[in-house]
Protein backbone atom coordinates (compact mmCIF):
# COMPACT_ATOMS: atom_id res chain seq x y z
CA UNK A 1 -23.74 8.24 10.83
CA UNK A 2 -27.04 6.62 11.35
CA UNK A 3 -26.43 3.10 12.65
CA UNK A 4 -28.81 0.50 13.94
CA UNK A 5 -28.84 0.11 17.84
CA UNK A 6 -28.68 -3.40 19.16
CA UNK A 7 -31.09 -4.51 21.69
CA UNK A 8 -30.39 -7.32 24.02
CA UNK A 9 -33.69 -9.38 24.19
CA UNK A 10 -32.41 -12.36 26.34
CA UNK A 11 -33.81 -12.88 29.81
CA UNK A 12 -32.32 -14.75 32.87
CA UNK A 13 -34.53 -16.53 35.18
CA UNK A 14 -34.16 -15.57 38.90
CA UNK A 15 -36.35 -18.51 40.12
CA UNK A 16 -34.26 -21.08 42.12
CA UNK A 17 -34.88 -24.67 41.26
CA UNK A 18 -36.34 -26.93 43.94
CA UNK A 19 -33.23 -28.94 44.21
CA UNK A 20 -31.23 -25.83 45.05
CA UNK A 21 -33.58 -24.85 47.85
CA UNK A 22 -33.56 -28.33 49.31
CA UNK A 23 -29.73 -28.38 49.23
CA UNK A 24 -29.71 -25.15 51.27
CA UNK A 25 -32.13 -26.31 53.66
CA UNK A 26 -30.18 -29.57 54.26
CA UNK A 27 -26.98 -27.69 54.96
CA UNK A 28 -28.72 -25.56 57.59
CA UNK A 29 -30.41 -28.53 59.34
CA UNK A 30 -27.07 -30.31 59.41
CA UNK A 31 -25.46 -27.43 61.19
CA UNK A 32 -28.24 -27.28 63.66
CA UNK A 33 -28.01 -30.93 64.43
CA UNK A 34 -24.52 -30.67 65.59
CA UNK A 35 -23.03 -32.17 62.43
CA UNK A 36 -20.36 -30.42 60.26
CA UNK A 37 -20.29 -26.59 60.66
CA UNK A 38 -22.23 -24.43 58.39
CA UNK A 39 -19.22 -23.14 56.57
CA UNK A 40 -18.31 -26.79 55.36
CA UNK A 41 -21.12 -26.36 52.79
CA UNK A 42 -19.02 -23.72 50.92
CA UNK A 43 -17.46 -24.64 47.68
CA UNK A 44 -14.66 -23.16 45.76
CA UNK A 45 -16.01 -20.54 43.16
CA UNK A 46 -16.65 -21.83 39.73
CA UNK A 47 -14.43 -20.34 37.15
CA UNK A 48 -16.14 -17.70 35.03
CA UNK A 49 -16.94 -19.05 31.58
CA UNK A 50 -14.87 -17.32 28.87
CA UNK A 51 -16.86 -14.53 27.21
CA UNK A 52 -18.71 -15.33 23.91
CA UNK A 53 -16.81 -14.04 20.88
CA UNK A 54 -17.98 -12.07 17.76
CA UNK A 55 -15.40 -11.45 15.12
CA UNK A 56 -12.86 -12.63 17.61
CA UNK A 57 -13.86 -9.79 20.05
CA UNK A 58 -16.03 -9.97 23.16
CA UNK A 59 -19.60 -10.09 21.88
CA UNK A 60 -21.20 -8.39 24.90
CA UNK A 61 -18.94 -5.45 24.47
CA UNK A 62 -19.81 -4.55 20.93
CA UNK A 63 -22.46 -2.04 20.11
CA UNK A 64 -23.63 -0.38 16.81
CA UNK A 65 -21.86 -3.05 14.84
CA UNK A 66 -21.39 -2.64 10.98
CA UNK A 67 -19.38 -5.45 9.43
CA UNK A 68 -18.22 -5.72 5.73
CA UNK A 69 -16.07 -8.47 4.07
CA UNK A 70 -12.61 -7.24 2.76
CA UNK A 71 -12.80 -8.61 -0.78
CA UNK A 72 -8.99 -8.39 -1.17
CA UNK A 73 -6.00 -7.64 1.04
CA UNK A 74 -3.50 -7.59 -2.01
CA UNK A 75 -3.02 -3.78 -2.50
CA UNK A 76 -5.86 -1.73 -1.10
CA UNK A 77 -8.61 -3.74 0.69
CA UNK A 78 -12.09 -3.09 -0.89
CA UNK A 79 -15.61 -3.53 0.63
CA UNK A 80 -19.05 -3.76 -0.97
CA UNK A 81 -20.89 -0.56 -0.74
CA UNK A 82 -23.89 1.43 -2.26
CA UNK A 83 -23.70 4.99 -3.23
CA UNK A 84 -27.04 6.51 -3.99
CA UNK A 85 -28.61 3.81 -6.25
CA UNK A 86 -25.28 2.32 -7.42
CA UNK A 87 -24.06 -0.99 -6.07
CA UNK A 88 -20.33 -1.75 -6.28
CA UNK A 89 -17.05 -1.42 -4.36
CA UNK A 90 -15.22 1.06 -2.25
CA UNK A 91 -11.65 1.51 -1.23
CA UNK A 92 -10.91 2.07 2.53
CA UNK A 93 -8.55 4.76 3.49
CA UNK A 94 -7.56 6.01 6.90
CA UNK A 95 -5.59 9.09 5.65
CA UNK A 96 -8.31 10.30 3.27
CA UNK A 97 -10.14 13.22 5.13
CA UNK A 98 -13.67 12.64 3.53
CA UNK A 99 -15.73 10.18 1.67
CA UNK A 100 -14.66 10.22 -2.13
CA UNK A 101 -16.72 9.42 -5.10
CA UNK A 102 -15.93 8.40 -8.69
CA UNK A 103 -18.60 9.95 -10.89
CA UNK A 104 -19.73 7.66 -13.75
CA UNK A 105 -20.96 10.73 -15.67
CA UNK A 106 -20.40 14.46 -15.33
CA UNK A 107 -23.94 14.84 -13.96
CA UNK A 108 -24.03 11.92 -11.43
CA UNK A 109 -22.99 14.24 -8.66
CA UNK A 110 -23.50 17.97 -7.94
CA UNK A 111 -20.46 19.92 -8.38
CA UNK A 112 -20.29 22.42 -5.51
CA UNK A 113 -16.92 24.34 -4.72
CA UNK A 114 -13.38 24.01 -5.47
CA UNK A 115 -11.13 22.83 -2.79
CA UNK A 116 -7.34 22.15 -2.17
CA UNK A 117 -6.42 18.80 -0.63
CA UNK A 118 -3.26 17.33 0.67
CA UNK A 119 -2.38 14.12 -0.83
CA UNK A 120 0.64 11.86 -0.46
CA UNK A 121 1.90 13.29 -3.85
CA UNK A 122 1.45 16.97 -2.75
CA UNK A 123 -1.35 19.57 -2.91
CA UNK A 124 -4.08 18.99 -5.29
CA UNK A 125 -7.42 20.64 -6.31
CA UNK A 126 -10.81 18.97 -6.48
CA UNK A 127 -14.39 19.67 -5.96
CA UNK A 128 -16.89 19.18 -3.06
CA UNK A 129 -20.11 17.33 -3.62
CA UNK A 130 -22.80 15.51 -1.71
CA UNK A 131 -23.59 11.74 -1.53
CA UNK A 132 -27.29 11.52 -0.77
CA UNK A 133 -27.30 7.88 0.21
CA UNK A 134 -24.34 5.88 1.55
CA UNK A 135 -24.77 2.26 2.66
CA UNK A 136 -22.30 -0.22 4.10
CA UNK A 137 -23.83 -3.46 5.09
CA UNK A 138 -26.47 -2.48 7.73
CA UNK A 139 -25.04 1.05 8.05
CA UNK A 140 -26.83 3.85 6.45
CA UNK A 141 -26.06 7.66 6.22
CA UNK A 142 -27.83 10.49 4.39
CA UNK A 143 -26.43 13.62 2.71
CA UNK A 144 -22.71 12.93 3.40
CA UNK A 145 -20.30 15.57 2.30
CA UNK A 146 -17.89 14.17 -0.20
CA UNK A 147 -15.06 14.90 -2.64
CA UNK A 148 -15.02 14.04 -6.37
CA UNK A 149 -12.23 11.66 -7.00
CA UNK A 150 -12.71 11.70 -10.82
CA UNK A 151 -15.19 11.40 -13.68
CA UNK A 152 -14.49 7.97 -14.49
CA UNK A 153 -15.38 4.82 -12.37
CA UNK A 154 -12.44 2.36 -12.02
CA UNK A 155 -13.43 -1.31 -12.28
CA UNK A 156 -12.19 -4.30 -10.14
CA UNK A 157 -13.22 -7.83 -11.07
CA UNK A 158 -15.98 -6.45 -13.36
CA UNK A 159 -17.54 -4.38 -10.60
CA UNK A 160 -17.50 -0.58 -10.44
CA UNK A 161 -15.34 1.09 -7.73
CA UNK A 162 -17.80 3.86 -6.41
CA UNK A 163 -15.42 5.78 -4.19
CA UNK A 164 -13.36 5.78 -1.04
CA UNK A 165 -14.53 5.36 2.63
CA UNK A 166 -12.51 7.96 4.50
CA UNK A 167 -11.67 9.05 8.03
CA UNK A 168 -14.83 11.04 8.51
CA UNK A 169 -16.65 7.76 8.55
CA UNK A 170 -13.93 5.54 10.18
CA UNK A 171 -12.94 8.05 12.82
CA UNK A 172 -16.35 7.78 14.58
CA UNK A 173 -15.73 4.08 15.38
CA UNK A 174 -13.41 1.51 16.84
CA UNK A 175 -12.49 -0.34 13.57
CA UNK A 176 -11.12 -3.80 13.40
CA UNK A 177 -9.27 -4.73 10.27
CA UNK A 178 -8.97 -8.52 10.49
CA UNK A 179 -6.83 -8.91 7.30
CA UNK A 180 -6.37 -12.81 7.89
CA UNK A 181 -10.10 -13.32 8.15
CA UNK A 182 -10.81 -10.65 5.50
CA UNK A 183 -13.40 -8.69 7.36
CA UNK A 184 -13.73 -5.13 8.54
CA UNK A 185 -15.83 -4.40 11.64
CA UNK A 186 -16.83 -0.91 12.76
CA UNK A 187 -18.38 -0.82 16.18
CA UNK A 188 -18.52 1.30 19.42
CA UNK A 189 -16.97 -0.36 22.41
CA UNK A 190 -19.28 -0.75 25.46
CA UNK A 191 -18.08 0.46 28.91
CA UNK A 192 -20.44 -1.86 30.66
CA UNK A 193 -19.26 -3.57 33.73
CA UNK A 194 -17.36 -6.85 32.99
CA UNK A 195 -16.15 -5.64 29.67
CA UNK A 196 -12.23 -6.06 29.59
CA UNK A 197 -9.99 -3.00 28.56
CA UNK A 198 -9.40 -2.87 24.75
CA UNK A 199 -5.67 -3.73 25.09
CA UNK A 200 -6.71 -7.16 25.99
CA UNK A 201 -9.04 -7.79 23.20
CA UNK A 202 -6.51 -8.95 20.48
CA UNK A 203 -4.59 -11.20 22.95
CA UNK A 204 -1.46 -11.09 25.08
CA UNK A 205 0.89 -11.03 22.10
CA UNK A 206 -0.62 -7.76 20.70
CA UNK A 207 1.08 -4.41 20.99
CA UNK A 208 -0.48 -1.20 21.97
CA UNK A 209 0.22 2.11 20.32
CA UNK A 210 -0.95 5.61 20.87
CA UNK A 211 -2.40 7.13 17.73
CA UNK A 212 -0.64 10.45 16.86
CA UNK A 213 -2.46 13.43 15.45
CA UNK A 214 -1.59 14.75 11.89
CA UNK A 215 -1.42 18.47 10.91
CA UNK A 216 -5.23 18.62 11.14
CA UNK A 217 -5.54 16.72 14.35
CA UNK A 218 -6.90 13.52 12.98
CA UNK A 219 -5.56 10.49 14.81
CA UNK A 220 -4.07 8.59 11.85
CA UNK A 221 -0.40 7.87 12.70
CA UNK A 222 2.05 5.81 15.09
CA UNK A 223 5.67 6.31 16.10
CA UNK A 224 8.17 4.10 14.41
CA UNK A 225 11.79 3.89 15.55
CA UNK A 226 14.87 3.05 13.35
CA UNK A 227 17.81 2.68 15.80
CA UNK A 228 17.93 5.76 17.96
CA UNK A 229 15.85 7.81 15.52
CA UNK A 230 12.12 7.89 15.22
CA UNK A 231 9.50 9.12 12.65
CA UNK A 232 5.76 9.41 12.35
CA UNK A 233 4.00 6.83 10.08
CA UNK A 234 0.44 7.17 8.79
CA UNK A 235 -1.60 3.86 8.99
CA UNK A 236 -2.80 3.35 5.37
CA UNK A 237 -4.35 0.05 4.20
CA UNK A 238 -5.09 1.96 0.97
CA UNK A 239 -1.28 1.62 0.03
CA UNK A 240 0.13 -1.65 -0.95
CA UNK A 241 3.67 -0.61 0.00
CA UNK A 242 5.12 1.39 2.99
CA UNK A 243 6.94 4.58 2.15
CA UNK A 244 9.12 7.23 3.62
CA UNK A 245 9.58 10.92 2.37
CA UNK A 246 12.97 11.71 1.31
CA UNK A 247 13.60 14.16 4.12
CA UNK A 248 12.56 11.64 6.73
CA UNK A 249 14.59 8.95 5.02
CA UNK A 250 17.76 11.26 5.36
CA UNK A 251 16.91 11.71 8.97
CA UNK A 252 16.88 8.01 9.49
CA UNK A 253 20.40 7.83 7.91
CA UNK A 254 19.54 6.76 4.41
CA UNK A 255 22.15 8.63 2.34
CA UNK A 256 22.12 8.99 -1.46
CA UNK A 257 24.98 6.35 -1.55
CA UNK A 258 22.93 3.82 0.30
CA UNK A 259 19.79 4.49 -1.75
CA UNK A 260 21.86 4.18 -4.88
CA UNK A 261 22.35 0.39 -4.29
CA UNK A 262 18.50 -0.01 -3.90
CA UNK A 263 16.04 -0.97 -6.68
CA UNK A 264 14.10 1.56 -8.50
CA UNK A 265 10.30 1.76 -7.97
CA UNK A 266 7.43 3.97 -9.12
CA UNK A 267 4.17 4.55 -7.30
CA UNK A 268 0.80 5.52 -8.88
CA UNK A 269 -0.53 8.03 -6.45
CA UNK A 270 -2.58 10.08 -8.85
CA UNK A 271 0.72 11.02 -10.42
CA UNK A 272 3.72 8.86 -10.70
CA UNK A 273 6.34 8.99 -7.93
CA UNK A 274 9.79 7.65 -8.72
CA UNK A 275 11.95 6.29 -5.81
CA UNK A 276 14.06 3.61 -4.37
CA UNK A 277 12.93 0.63 -2.23
CA UNK A 278 15.04 0.06 0.93
CA UNK A 279 14.99 -2.90 3.38
CA UNK A 280 15.15 -2.34 7.19
CA UNK A 281 15.70 -5.22 9.42
CA UNK A 282 15.75 -3.23 12.64
CA UNK A 283 12.60 -1.18 12.98
CA UNK A 284 10.78 -0.96 16.27
CA UNK A 285 7.00 -0.46 16.73
CA UNK A 286 5.53 -0.32 20.15
CA UNK A 287 7.00 -3.16 22.24
CA UNK A 288 8.12 -4.99 19.00
CA UNK A 289 11.94 -4.65 18.07
CA UNK A 290 14.14 -5.77 15.23
CA UNK A 291 11.28 -6.00 12.70
CA UNK A 292 11.87 -6.17 9.03
CA UNK A 293 10.25 -3.70 6.76
CA UNK A 294 10.52 -2.66 3.02
CA UNK A 295 9.73 1.00 2.24
CA UNK A 296 9.72 3.06 -0.95
CA UNK A 297 11.81 6.29 -0.47
CA UNK A 298 9.99 8.81 -2.57
CA UNK A 299 9.21 12.61 -2.86
CA UNK A 300 5.96 12.36 -0.66
CA UNK A 301 4.16 14.67 1.71
CA UNK A 302 4.09 12.08 4.52
CA UNK A 303 5.07 8.60 5.45
CA UNK A 304 2.91 5.52 5.15
CA UNK A 305 2.81 2.12 6.85
CA UNK A 306 1.01 0.19 4.20
CA UNK A 307 -0.35 -3.27 3.42
CA UNK A 308 3.13 -5.10 3.01
CA UNK A 309 3.32 -4.66 6.79
CA UNK A 310 -0.42 -4.85 7.79
CA UNK A 311 -2.02 -7.60 5.69
CA UNK A 312 -1.19 -10.75 7.86
CA UNK A 313 -2.30 -9.02 11.09
CA UNK A 314 -5.49 -8.12 13.05
CA UNK A 315 -5.36 -4.31 13.55
CA UNK A 316 -7.77 -2.49 15.93
CA UNK A 317 -7.85 1.20 15.35
CA UNK A 318 -9.59 2.46 18.61
CA UNK A 319 -10.25 6.19 17.19
CA UNK A 320 -12.48 7.24 20.08
CA UNK A 321 -9.79 6.15 22.61
CA UNK A 322 -6.77 7.44 20.57
CA UNK A 323 -5.25 4.03 20.41
CA UNK A 324 -4.23 1.21 18.02
CA UNK A 325 -3.76 -2.53 18.84
CA UNK A 326 -1.99 -4.78 16.50
CA UNK A 327 -1.21 -8.67 16.55
CA UNK A 328 1.94 -10.30 15.13
CA UNK A 329 1.84 -11.70 11.63
CA UNK A 330 0.24 -15.00 11.02
CA UNK A 331 0.82 -17.42 8.19
CA UNK A 332 -2.28 -17.19 6.19
CA UNK A 333 -2.76 -19.42 3.06
CA UNK A 334 -4.02 -17.58 -0.06
CA UNK A 335 -3.94 -14.38 1.82
CA UNK A 336 -4.07 -12.21 -1.20
CA UNK A 337 -7.67 -12.69 -2.11
CA UNK A 338 -8.73 -11.39 -5.36
CA UNK A 339 -5.69 -9.42 -6.66
CA UNK A 340 -6.40 -5.72 -7.43
CA UNK A 341 -4.46 -2.66 -7.98
CA UNK A 342 -5.18 -0.34 -5.00
CA UNK A 343 -5.24 3.37 -4.39
CA UNK A 344 -1.49 3.57 -3.87
CA UNK A 345 0.06 0.95 -6.12
CA UNK A 346 3.82 0.30 -6.55
CA UNK A 347 5.73 -1.47 -9.34
CA UNK A 348 9.39 -2.07 -9.83
CA UNK A 349 10.76 0.49 -12.34
CA UNK A 350 14.01 -0.93 -13.33
CA UNK A 351 14.91 -4.68 -13.08
CA UNK A 352 18.54 -5.19 -11.81
CA UNK A 353 20.53 -7.61 -13.87
CA UNK A 354 23.77 -9.59 -12.94
CA UNK A 355 26.22 -10.09 -15.66
CA UNK A 356 27.09 -13.83 -15.34
CA UNK A 357 29.58 -15.03 -17.90
CA UNK A 358 28.36 -18.07 -19.87
CA UNK A 359 30.12 -21.43 -19.47
CA UNK A 360 32.40 -22.33 -22.31
CA UNK A 361 30.89 -24.76 -24.73
CA UNK A 362 31.88 -28.50 -24.44
CA UNK A 363 34.24 -29.44 -27.20
CA UNK A 364 32.27 -31.07 -30.01
CA UNK A 365 28.86 -29.89 -28.70
CA UNK A 366 26.64 -28.01 -31.14
CA UNK A 367 26.15 -24.30 -30.20
CA UNK A 368 22.76 -23.42 -28.68
CA UNK A 369 20.89 -20.83 -30.98
CA UNK A 370 17.33 -20.94 -29.57
CA UNK A 371 16.98 -18.86 -26.41
CA UNK A 372 15.36 -20.21 -23.25
CA UNK A 373 11.59 -19.21 -23.72
CA UNK A 374 11.25 -18.66 -20.01
CA UNK A 375 12.44 -15.22 -18.92
CA UNK A 376 14.58 -14.70 -15.85
CA UNK A 377 12.42 -13.55 -12.86
CA UNK A 378 14.43 -10.29 -12.77
CA UNK A 379 13.03 -9.34 -16.16
CA UNK A 380 9.29 -9.64 -15.12
CA UNK A 381 8.99 -5.95 -14.26
CA UNK A 382 5.16 -5.76 -14.90
CA UNK A 383 4.20 -7.67 -11.90
CA UNK A 384 2.70 -6.13 -8.83
CA UNK A 385 5.31 -5.98 -5.87
C-alpha cells in the first residue's frame, strides 16, 4: 500500500554558546591554579526528557503513519474511507482476508471469478473484483484485489458503508486501536536507536501476547485459558460480542445442561446463528487472570474475542512483529459513540421471565384494571446487547 514517507526537517545546532565556552575555560584555569581538582566541575547527568508522544505513542518511533477516527465503538468500529470516487464509511475486520466492497449497483465493480471463502458461519461463495482507488486518510492504494460483499450498500447514520478494510491492508502495519480515544493508527515502528521496545509503549499495566496463526498462516489470534483448558480466539473488532464454537465450548467444560440455563441469543453473520450466552468469571489472557467474559456459544467456524471485551482498551496489534499488546479496561464516559449495528451483531432471542405471584389486594381497595404502561426490562428484546 502506498503511504507517504515522513521526513524529519528539524535541525539541531552544534554551536556552543559563548557562556558554555567560558564556563569550561574557567574550570580548567581553576584546576591549574591549585584550586579544586578538575573533576569537581562534573555534575550529575540531567535526566533524559520523556519522549514526545503522538497518539500516546513515542512520536520519533512512528513512520508511515495513517490515522483515522473510529466513528463508533458500539458494535463494529467504522472509519471514513473513499472507494473509487465514493465517499463513505468502512468496517474494520482483522479476520477478513481481503478488502470487501458493497456494490451500489450491479455494474459498479467488475465481477471477475467465483471464490469460496471461510466465514464465521461456514463456507460461502462470492466473487473477486478490483478496487481501483482506495483512500484512508492520507493513505492511498491503487488496483486493490477485493471481494464482493453484496449488491446493496448498507447505511449508517445516513452515510453509505462502502466495504470492509481487511487483513491484507492491516497486516502490513502495526495497528493501534485506541477505543477510548476512538482512533485507529496504522504505522511502521522505527528501529532507530533510542526507540523503546514495543512492549513498553502502552505502559507497565499492559499485557503482551504472541499472535497465533490461523489455518492460512495469518497472525490474527491469541490464546485464552479457562481453568486448565485453553483455546484460540480470533481478535475481531468487527464483532460486538465474543463467541465460542460449540466444539470448543464442550472442550472448556460447557455441557448442554449448563448451557440450558443460559439465555438464548441470535447473531447476524450473513445468516442467523442461534446460540446461548454464557458468562465466565475466570478466564486468563496473557498475564491477566480471573477476568470476566460473556460469550455466545454458537455453531461457528472459529472463536472470536469481540468488542464486549475490547472496546474500553487500547489494543496494539503489531503484525510485523507477531505480537499484540493490550491495556486494562478504562472507565470511559459515553464510550459507545454513534450506535451502529456491526458486521457481526447479536441480539437476545428469547427473554427470560420470572413468575412472581402478585400481592393479594388490600381489603376494600379497588382492583387495578389498567396495566403499567412501562414494560419490564426483560421484555425489551429488540435492543442491541
